[in-house]
Amino acid sequence: MFQTIINTALKIYNAKVDRDARKKLIWESIKCPKQPSGVECDYYVIMYMKEIIENHIISTDEKFGEKKTYKQEDIDIMRREWVEYLQGFI
């Protein structure tokens, strides 16, 4: 469903700016940690991005091919880091 929404949005955008889509989007499934429930998604995205940047990862298979999920302890650490970061803006 998400792919359909993005593809449709790009078609509409290209039509508005009067541009032909030269290349069709190629969607790839990325092997990455999956959240076990629906409440940790923000932390999973943040942790995933942070690991990619800190470890200079170019290929997601390079690091995440085997990792199925993050530990609760890792999520709690990320929550504390996020709170500390946001407190700097208050």
PDB file of N, CA and C in Angstrom:
ATOM      1  N   MET A   1       0.817  -1.188   0.000  1.00  0.00           N
ATOM      2  CA  MET A   1       0.000   0.000   0.000  1.00  0.00           C
ATOM      3  C   MET A   1       0.867   1.262   0.000  1.00  0.00           C
ATOM      4  N   PHE A   2       1.908   1.257   0.831  1.00  0.00           N
ATOM      5  CA  PHE A   2       2.789   2.416   0.913  1.00  0.00           C
ATOM      6  C   PHE A   2       3.425   2.701  -0.443  1.00  0.00           C
ATOM      7  N   GLN A   3       3.850   1.656  -1.130  1.00  0.00           N
ATOM      8  CA  GLN A   3       4.472   1.820  -2.445  1.00  0.00           C
ATOM      9  C   GLN A   3       3.497   2.454  -3.436  1.00  0.00           C
ATOM     10  N   THR A   4       2.251   2.024  -3.387  1.00  0.00           N
ATOM     11  CA  THR A   4       1.231   2.576  -4.287  1.00  0.00           C
ATOM     12  C   THR A   4       1.039   4.067  -4.023  1.00  0.00           C
ATOM     13  N   ILE A   5       1.011   4.455  -2.773  1.00  0.00           N
ATOM     14  CA  ILE A   5       0.833   5.862  -2.410  1.00  0.00           C
ATOM     15  C   ILE A   5       2.000   6.704  -2.923  1.00  0.00           C
ATOM     16  N   ILE A   6       3.216   6.230  -2.699  1.00  0.00           N
ATOM     17  CA  ILE A   6       4.400   6.982  -3.152  1.00  0.00           C
ATOM     18  C   ILE A   6       4.443   7.049  -4.675  1.00  0.00           C
ATOM     19  N   ASN A   7       4.194   5.926  -5.347  1.00  0.00           N
ATOM     20  CA  ASN A   7       4.199   5.918  -6.814  1.00  0.00           C
ATOM     21  C   ASN A   7       3.158   6.878  -7.382  1.00  0.00           C
ATOM     22  N   THR A   8       1.965   6.882  -6.790  1.00  0.00           N
ATOM     23  CA  THR A   8       0.899   7.784  -7.243  1.00  0.00           C
ATOM     24  C   THR A   8       1.286   9.242  -6.997  1.00  0.00           C
ATOM     25  N   ALA A   9       1.856   9.528  -5.834  1.00  0.00           N
ATOM     26  CA  ALA A   9       2.273  10.898  -5.521  1.00  0.00           C
ATOM     27  C   ALA A   9       3.331  11.381  -6.505  1.00  0.00           C
ATOM     28  N   LEU A  10       4.267  10.520  -6.862  1.00  0.00           N
ATOM     29  CA  LEU A  10       5.295  10.910  -7.826  1.00  0.00           C
ATOM     30  C   LEU A  10       4.715  11.156  -9.208  1.00  0.00           C
ATOM     31  N   LYS A  11       3.739  10.348  -9.611  1.00  0.00           N
ATOM     32  CA  LYS A  11       3.081  10.558 -10.903  1.00  0.00           C
ATOM     33  C   LYS A  11       2.371  11.915 -10.924  1.00  0.00           C
ATOM     34  N   ILE A  12       1.672  12.233  -9.840  1.00  0.00           N
ATOM     35  CA  ILE A  12       0.960  13.511  -9.748  1.00  0.00           C
ATOM     36  C   ILE A  12       1.949  14.670  -9.773  1.00  0.00           C
ATOM     37  N   TYR A  13       3.024  14.551  -8.999  1.00  0.00           N
ATOM     38  CA  TYR A  13       4.043  15.603  -8.966  1.00  0.00           C
ATOM     39  C   TYR A  13       4.658  15.808 -10.346  1.00  0.00           C
ATOM     40  N   ASN A  14       5.059  14.722 -10.992  1.00  0.00           N
ATOM     41  CA  ASN A  14       5.675  14.827 -12.323  1.00  0.00           C
ATOM     42  C   ASN A  14       4.718  15.469 -13.328  1.00  0.00           C
ATOM     43  N   ALA A  15       3.431  15.159 -13.218  1.00  0.00           N
ATOM     44  CA  ALA A  15       2.446  15.772 -14.114  1.00  0.00           C
ATOM     45  C   ALA A  15       2.319  17.268 -13.845  1.00  0.00           C
ATOM     46  N   LYS A  16       2.352  17.664 -12.571  1.00  0.00           N
ATOM     47  CA  LYS A  16       2.226  19.080 -12.221  1.00  0.00           C
ATOM     48  C   LYS A  16       3.414  19.901 -12.690  1.00  0.00           C
ATOM     49  N   VAL A  17       4.599  19.332 -12.614  1.00  0.00           N
ATOM     50  CA  VAL A  17       5.789  20.080 -13.031  1.00  0.00           C
ATOM     51  C   VAL A  17       6.128  19.818 -14.487  1.00  0.00           C
ATOM     52  N   ASP A  18       5.208  19.115 -15.169  1.00  0.00           N
ATOM     53  CA  ASP A  18       5.348  18.817 -16.596  1.00  0.00           C
ATOM     54  C   ASP A  18       6.682  18.128 -16.898  1.00  0.00           C
ATOM     55  N   ARG A  19       6.924  17.052 -16.147  1.00  0.00           N
ATOM     56  CA  ARG A  19       8.159  16.296 -16.317  1.00  0.00           C
ATOM     57  C   ARG A  19       7.835  14.821 -16.490  1.00  0.00           C
ATOM     58  N   ASP A  20       8.459  14.222 -17.447  1.00  0.00           N
ATOM     59  CA  ASP A  20       8.295  12.780 -17.635  1.00  0.00           C
ATOM     60  C   ASP A  20       9.151  12.058 -16.613  1.00  0.00           C
ATOM     61  N   ALA A  21       8.606  10.994 -16.062  1.00  0.00           N
ATOM     62  CA  ALA A  21       9.387  10.167 -15.145  1.00  0.00           C
ATOM     63  C   ALA A  21      10.345   9.335 -15.988  1.00  0.00           C
ATOM     64  N   ARG A  22      11.612   9.647 -15.892  1.00  0.00           N
ATOM     65  CA  ARG A  22      12.603   8.960 -16.719  1.00  0.00           C
ATOM     66  C   ARG A  22      12.871   7.546 -16.239  1.00  0.00           C
ATOM     67  N   LYS A  23      12.829   7.369 -14.959  1.00  0.00           N
ATOM     68  CA  LYS A  23      13.100   6.049 -14.398  1.00  0.00           C
ATOM     69  C   LYS A  23      11.964   5.658 -13.464  1.00  0.00           C
ATOM     70  N   LYS A  24      11.610   4.406 -13.527  1.00  0.00           N
ATOM     71  CA  LYS A  24      10.610   3.892 -12.606  1.00  0.00           C
ATOM     72  C   LYS A  24      11.305   3.574 -11.285  1.00  0.00           C
ATOM     73  N   LEU A  25      10.618   3.839 -10.193  1.00  0.00           N
ATOM     74  CA  LEU A  25      11.189   3.517  -8.887  1.00  0.00           C
ATOM     75  C   LEU A  25      11.391   2.018  -8.752  1.00  0.00           C
ATOM     76  N   ILE A  26      12.503   1.667  -8.167  1.00  0.00           N
ATOM     77  CA  ILE A  26      12.780   0.262  -7.874  1.00  0.00           C
ATOM     78  C   ILE A  26      12.702   0.109  -6.356  1.00  0.00           C
ATOM     79  N   TRP A  27      11.748  -0.653  -5.907  1.00  0.00           N
ATOM     80  CA  TRP A  27      11.551  -0.862  -4.479  1.00  0.00           C
ATOM     81  C   TRP A  27      12.345  -2.087  -4.039  1.00  0.00           C
ATOM     82  N   GLU A  28      13.052  -1.956  -2.927  1.00  0.00           N
ATOM     83  CA  GLU A  28      13.822  -3.060  -2.380  1.00  0.00           C
ATOM     84  C   GLU A  28      13.402  -3.301  -0.941  1.00  0.00           C
ATOM     85  N   SER A  29      13.355  -4.552  -0.569  1.00  0.00           N
ATOM     86  CA  SER A  29      13.108  -4.901   0.831  1.00  0.00           C
ATOM     87  C   SER A  29      14.439  -4.887   1.562  1.00  0.00           C
ATOM     88  N   ILE A  30      14.503  -4.118   2.612  1.00  0.00           N
ATOM     89  CA  ILE A  30      15.738  -3.989   3.371  1.00  0.00           C
ATOM     90  C   ILE A  30      15.663  -4.891   4.592  1.00  0.00           C
ATOM     91  N   LYS A  31      16.724  -5.631   4.808  1.00  0.00           N
ATOM     92  CA  LYS A  31      16.796  -6.473   5.997  1.00  0.00           C
ATOM     93  C   LYS A  31      17.192  -5.587   7.160  1.00  0.00           C
ATOM     94  N   CYS A  32      16.272  -5.436   8.092  1.00  0.00           N
ATOM     95  CA  CYS A  32      16.540  -4.593   9.247  1.00  0.00           C
ATOM     96  C   CYS A  32      15.739  -5.124  10.430  1.00  0.00           C
ATOM     97  N   PRO A  33      16.074  -4.669  11.628  1.00  0.00           N
ATOM     98  CA  PRO A  33      15.321  -5.108  12.806  1.00  0.00           C
ATOM     99  C   PRO A  33      13.845  -4.737  12.693  1.00  0.00           C
ATOM    100  N   LYS A  34      12.983  -5.637  13.046  1.00  0.00           N
ATOM    101  CA  LYS A  34      11.530  -5.420  12.989  1.00  0.00           C
ATOM    102  C   LYS A  34      10.984  -5.256  14.400  1.00  0.00           C
ATOM    103  N   GLN A  35      10.093  -4.294  14.540  1.00  0.00           N
ATOM    104  CA  GLN A  35       9.495  -4.067  15.856  1.00  0.00           C
ATOM    105  C   GLN A  35       8.456  -5.143  16.149  1.00  0.00           C
ATOM    106  N   PRO A  36       8.435  -5.635  17.380  1.00  0.00           N
ATOM    107  CA  PRO A  36       7.490  -6.691  17.731  1.00  0.00           C
ATOM    108  C   PRO A  36       6.057  -6.197  17.912  1.00  0.00           C
ATOM    109  N   SER A  37       5.892  -4.912  18.206  1.00  0.00           N
ATOM    110  CA  SER A  37       4.545  -4.366  18.368  1.00  0.00           C
ATOM    111  C   SER A  37       4.490  -2.999  17.695  1.00  0.00           C
ATOM    112  N   GLY A  38       3.404  -2.294  17.859  1.00  0.00           N
ATOM    113  CA  GLY A  38       3.225  -1.030  17.160  1.00  0.00           C
ATOM    114  C   GLY A  38       3.610   0.204  17.942  1.00  0.00           C
ATOM    115  N   VAL A  39       4.285   0.063  19.056  1.00  0.00           N
ATOM    116  CA  VAL A  39       4.559   1.233  19.880  1.00  0.00           C
ATOM    117  C   VAL A  39       6.011   1.709  19.842  1.00  0.00           C
ATOM    118  N   GLU A  40       6.919   0.901  19.276  1.00  0.00           N
ATOM    119  CA  GLU A  40       8.331   1.282  19.279  1.00  0.00           C
ATOM    120  C   GLU A  40       8.813   1.840  17.946  1.00  0.00           C
ATOM    121  N   CYS A  41       7.920   2.082  16.995  1.00  0.00           N
ATOM    122  CA  CYS A  41       8.355   2.394  15.622  1.00  0.00           C
ATOM    123  C   CYS A  41       9.300   3.588  15.565  1.00  0.00           C
ATOM    124  N   ASP A  42       9.018   4.658  16.289  1.00  0.00           N
ATOM    125  CA  ASP A  42       9.894   5.835  16.259  1.00  0.00           C
ATOM    126  C   ASP A  42      11.293   5.488  16.736  1.00  0.00           C
ATOM    127  N   TYR A  43      11.361   4.731  17.808  1.00  0.00           N
ATOM    128  CA  TYR A  43      12.663   4.363  18.352  1.00  0.00           C
ATOM    129  C   TYR A  43      13.410   3.428  17.414  1.00  0.00           C
ATOM    130  N   TYR A  44      12.705   2.554  16.754  1.00  0.00           N
ATOM    131  CA  TYR A  44      13.345   1.669  15.783  1.00  0.00           C
ATOM    132  C   TYR A  44      13.934   2.462  14.628  1.00  0.00           C
ATOM    133  N   VAL A  45      13.213   3.433  14.126  1.00  0.00           N
ATOM    134  CA  VAL A  45      13.718   4.257  13.020  1.00  0.00           C
ATOM    135  C   VAL A  45      14.942   5.033  13.486  1.00  0.00           C
ATOM    136  N   ILE A  46      14.864   5.650  14.655  1.00  0.00           N
ATOM    137  CA  ILE A  46      15.979   6.435  15.180  1.00  0.00           C
ATOM    138  C   ILE A  46      17.202   5.542  15.404  1.00  0.00           C
ATOM    139  N   MET A  47      16.995   4.379  16.013  1.00  0.00           N
ATOM    140  CA  MET A  47      18.116   3.473  16.291  1.00  0.00           C
ATOM    141  C   MET A  47      18.740   2.969  14.999  1.00  0.00           C
ATOM    142  N   TYR A  48      17.910   2.653  14.036  1.00  0.00           N
ATOM    143  CA  TYR A  48      18.385   2.160  12.753  1.00  0.00           C
ATOM    144  C   TYR A  48      19.228   3.226  12.052  1.00  0.00           C
ATOM    145  N   MET A  49      18.729   4.445  12.001  1.00  0.00           N
ATOM    146  CA  MET A  49      19.464   5.549  11.371  1.00  0.00           C
ATOM    147  C   MET A  49      20.766   5.831  12.117  1.00  0.00           C
ATOM    148  N   LYS A  50      20.705   5.808  13.441  1.00  0.00           N
ATOM    149  CA  LYS A  50      21.889   6.092  14.251  1.00  0.00           C
ATOM    150  C   LYS A  50      22.979   5.052  13.992  1.00  0.00           C
ATOM    151  N   GLU A  51      22.614   3.779  13.937  1.00  0.00           N
ATOM    152  CA  GLU A  51      23.605   2.729  13.677  1.00  0.00           C
ATOM    153  C   GLU A  51      24.205   2.858  12.286  1.00  0.00           C
ATOM    154  N   ILE A  52      23.400   3.214  11.305  1.00  0.00           N
ATOM    155  CA  ILE A  52      23.906   3.389   9.944  1.00  0.00           C
ATOM    156  C   ILE A  52      24.938   4.513   9.915  1.00  0.00           C
ATOM    157  N   ILE A  53      24.626   5.633  10.563  1.00  0.00           N
ATOM    158  CA  ILE A  53      25.530   6.789  10.555  1.00  0.00           C
ATOM    159  C   ILE A  53      26.784   6.520  11.370  1.00  0.00           C
ATOM    160  N   GLU A  54      26.623   6.007  12.589  1.00  0.00           N
ATOM    161  CA  GLU A  54      27.775   5.786  13.463  1.00  0.00           C
ATOM    162  C   GLU A  54      28.739   4.739  12.910  1.00  0.00           C
ATOM    163  N   ASN A  55      28.220   3.735  12.228  1.00  0.00           N
ATOM    164  CA  ASN A  55      29.056   2.642  11.737  1.00  0.00           C
ATOM    165  C   ASN A  55      29.415   2.789  10.259  1.00  0.00           C
ATOM    166  N   HIS A  56      29.049   3.920   9.659  1.00  0.00           N
ATOM    167  CA  HIS A  56      29.358   4.189   8.254  1.00  0.00           C
ATOM    168  C   HIS A  56      28.913   3.033   7.355  1.00  0.00           C
ATOM    169  N   ILE A  57      27.706   2.586   7.567  1.00  0.00           N
ATOM    170  CA  ILE A  57      27.181   1.440   6.825  1.00  0.00           C
ATOM    171  C   ILE A  57      26.673   1.896   5.464  1.00  0.00           C
ATOM    172  N   ILE A  58      27.120   1.230   4.445  1.00  0.00           N
ATOM    173  CA  ILE A  58      26.659   1.526   3.094  1.00  0.00           C
ATOM    174  C   ILE A  58      25.608   0.511   2.675  1.00  0.00           C
ATOM    175  N   SER A  59      25.837  -0.744   2.999  1.00  0.00           N
ATOM    176  CA  SER A  59      24.897  -1.808   2.659  1.00  0.00           C
ATOM    177  C   SER A  59      24.201  -2.274   3.928  1.00  0.00           C
ATOM    178  N   THR A  60      22.875  -2.283   3.932  1.00  0.00           N
ATOM    179  CA  THR A  60      22.163  -2.699   5.142  1.00  0.00           C
ATOM    180  C   THR A  60      22.396  -4.171   5.461  1.00  0.00           C
ATOM    181  N   ASP A  61      22.675  -4.995   4.462  1.00  0.00           N
ATOM    182  CA  ASP A  61      22.981  -6.404   4.731  1.00  0.00           C
ATOM    183  C   ASP A  61      24.278  -6.549   5.514  1.00  0.00           C
ATOM    184  N   GLU A  62      25.134  -5.537   5.384  1.00  0.00           N
ATOM    185  CA  GLU A  62      26.437  -5.548   6.039  1.00  0.00           C
ATOM    186  C   GLU A  62      26.314  -5.693   7.555  1.00  0.00           C
ATOM    187  N   LYS A  63      25.334  -5.075   8.152  1.00  0.00           N
ATOM    188  CA  LYS A  63      25.206  -5.061   9.618  1.00  0.00           C
ATOM    189  C   LYS A  63      23.925  -5.711  10.105  1.00  0.00           C
ATOM    190  N   PHE A  64      22.839  -5.501   9.409  1.00  0.00           N
ATOM    191  CA  PHE A  64      21.538  -5.862   9.932  1.00  0.00           C
ATOM    192  C   PHE A  64      20.982  -7.172   9.400  1.00  0.00           C
ATOM    193  N   GLY A  65      21.731  -7.857   8.554  1.00  0.00           N
ATOM    194  CA  GLY A  65      21.227  -9.081   7.960  1.00  0.00           C
ATOM    195  C   GLY A  65      20.800 -10.128   8.977  1.00  0.00           C
ATOM    196  N   GLU A  66      21.465 -10.152  10.123  1.00  0.00           N
ATOM    197  CA  GLU A  66      21.177 -11.172  11.143  1.00  0.00           C
ATOM    198  C   GLU A  66      20.317 -10.650  12.292  1.00  0.00           C
ATOM    199  N   LYS A  67      20.322  -9.350  12.522  1.00  0.00           N
ATOM    200  CA  LYS A  67      19.600  -8.791  13.671  1.00  0.00           C
ATOM    201  C   LYS A  67      18.108  -8.771  13.374  1.00  0.00           C
ATOM    202  N   LYS A  68      17.323  -9.451  14.190  1.00  0.00           N
ATOM    203  CA  LYS A  68      15.878  -9.541  13.959  1.00  0.00           C
ATOM    204  C   LYS A  68      15.092  -8.462  14.686  1.00  0.00           C
ATOM    205  N   THR A  69      15.596  -8.044  15.847  1.00  0.00           N
ATOM    206  CA  THR A  69      14.890  -7.044  16.646  1.00  0.00           C
ATOM    207  C   THR A  69      15.888  -6.375  17.588  1.00  0.00           C
ATOM    208  N   TYR A  70      15.499  -5.258  18.177  1.00  0.00           N
ATOM    209  CA  TYR A  70      16.323  -4.614  19.204  1.00  0.00           C
ATOM    210  C   TYR A  70      15.868  -5.118  20.565  1.00  0.00           C
ATOM    211  N   LYS A  71      16.800  -5.163  21.504  1.00  0.00           N
ATOM    212  CA  LYS A  71      16.467  -5.555  22.875  1.00  0.00           C
ATOM    213  C   LYS A  71      15.745  -4.392  23.556  1.00  0.00           C
ATOM    214  N   GLN A  72      14.905  -4.710  24.522  1.00  0.00           N
ATOM    215  CA  GLN A  72      14.201  -3.675  25.275  1.00  0.00           C
ATOM    216  C   GLN A  72      15.192  -2.725  25.934  1.00  0.00           C
ATOM    217  N   GLU A  73      16.305  -3.256  26.399  1.00  0.00           N
ATOM    218  CA  GLU A  73      17.349  -2.435  27.021  1.00  0.00           C
ATOM    219  C   GLU A  73      17.874  -1.388  26.028  1.00  0.00           C
ATOM    220  N   ASP A  74      18.052  -1.786  24.770  1.00  0.00           N
ATOM    221  CA  ASP A  74      18.509  -0.848  23.738  1.00  0.00           C
ATOM    222  C   ASP A  74      17.476   0.252  23.495  1.00  0.00           C
ATOM    223  N   ILE A  75      16.214  -0.123  23.477  1.00  0.00           N
ATOM    224  CA  ILE A  75      15.139   0.856  23.282  1.00  0.00           C
ATOM    225  C   ILE A  75      15.103   1.836  24.448  1.00  0.00           C
ATOM    226  N   ASP A  76      15.266   1.336  25.670  1.00  0.00           N
ATOM    227  CA  ASP A  76      15.273   2.209  26.849  1.00  0.00           C
ATOM    228  C   ASP A  76      16.443   3.194  26.805  1.00  0.00           C
ATOM    229  N   ILE A  77      17.603   2.732  26.354  1.00  0.00           N
ATOM    230  CA  ILE A  77      18.766   3.622  26.220  1.00  0.00           C
ATOM    231  C   ILE A  77      18.463   4.709  25.204  1.00  0.00           C
ATOM    232  N   MET A  78      17.861   4.342  24.085  1.00  0.00           N
ATOM    233  CA  MET A  78      17.525   5.332  23.049  1.00  0.00           C
ATOM    234  C   MET A  78      16.509   6.336  23.584  1.00  0.00           C
ATOM    235  N   ARG A  79      15.552   5.868  24.360  1.00  0.00           N
ATOM    236  CA  ARG A  79      14.559   6.789  24.949  1.00  0.00           C
ATOM    237  C   ARG A  79      15.254   7.831  25.825  1.00  0.00           C
ATOM    238  N   ARG A  80      16.201   7.379  26.655  1.00  0.00           N
ATOM    239  CA  ARG A  80      16.923   8.315  27.521  1.00  0.00           C
ATOM    240  C   ARG A  80      17.744   9.307  26.696  1.00  0.00           C
ATOM    241  N   GLU A  81      18.419   8.808  25.657  1.00  0.00           N
ATOM    242  CA  GLU A  81      19.196   9.707  24.792  1.00  0.00           C
ATOM    243  C   GLU A  81      18.291  10.734  24.123  1.00  0.00           C
ATOM    244  N   TRP A  82      17.131  10.314  23.684  1.00  0.00           N
ATOM    245  CA  TRP A  82      16.190  11.204  22.998  1.00  0.00           C
ATOM    246  C   TRP A  82      15.684  12.276  23.960  1.00  0.00           C
ATOM    247  N   VAL A  83      15.376  11.886  25.202  1.00  0.00           N
ATOM    248  CA  VAL A  83      14.914  12.852  26.206  1.00  0.00           C
ATOM    249  C   VAL A  83      16.011  13.865  26.500  1.00  0.00           C
ATOM    250  N   GLU A  84      17.243  13.388  26.677  1.00  0.00           N
ATOM    251  CA  GLU A  84      18.355  14.299  26.947  1.00  0.00           C
ATOM    252  C   GLU A  84      18.553  15.280  25.787  1.00  0.00           C
ATOM    253  N   TYR A  85      18.443  14.793  24.577  1.00  0.00           N
ATOM    254  CA  TYR A  85      18.588  15.652  23.401  1.00  0.00           C
ATOM    255  C   TYR A  85      17.484  16.719  23.376  1.00  0.00           C
ATOM    256  N   LEU A  86      16.248  16.318  23.573  1.00  0.00           N
ATOM    257  CA  LEU A  86      15.136  17.264  23.532  1.00  0.00           C
ATOM    258  C   LEU A  86      15.172  18.269  24.659  1.00  0.00           C
ATOM    259  N   GLN A  87      15.706  17.881  25.822  1.00  0.00           N
ATOM    260  CA  GLN A  87      15.792  18.809  26.943  1.00  0.00           C
ATOM    261  C   GLN A  87      16.662  20.010  26.612  1.00  0.00           C
ATOM    262  N   GLY A  88      17.572  19.847  25.676  1.00  0.00           N
ATOM    263  CA  GLY A  88      18.421  20.968  25.262  1.00  0.00           C
ATOM    264  C   GLY A  88      17.640  22.054  24.543  1.00  0.00           C
ATOM    265  N   PHE A  89      16.427  21.770  24.112  1.00  0.00           N
ATOM    266  CA  PHE A  89      15.612  22.740  23.397  1.00  0.00           C
ATOM    267  C   PHE A  89      14.526  23.359  24.283  1.00  0.00           C
ATOM    268  N   ILE A  90      14.441  22.901  25.502  1.00  0.00           N
ATOM    269  CA  ILE A  90      13.383  23.393  26.406  1.00  0.00           C
ATOM    270  C   ILE A  90      13.918  24.515  27.264  1.00  0.00           C
TER     271      ILE A  90
END
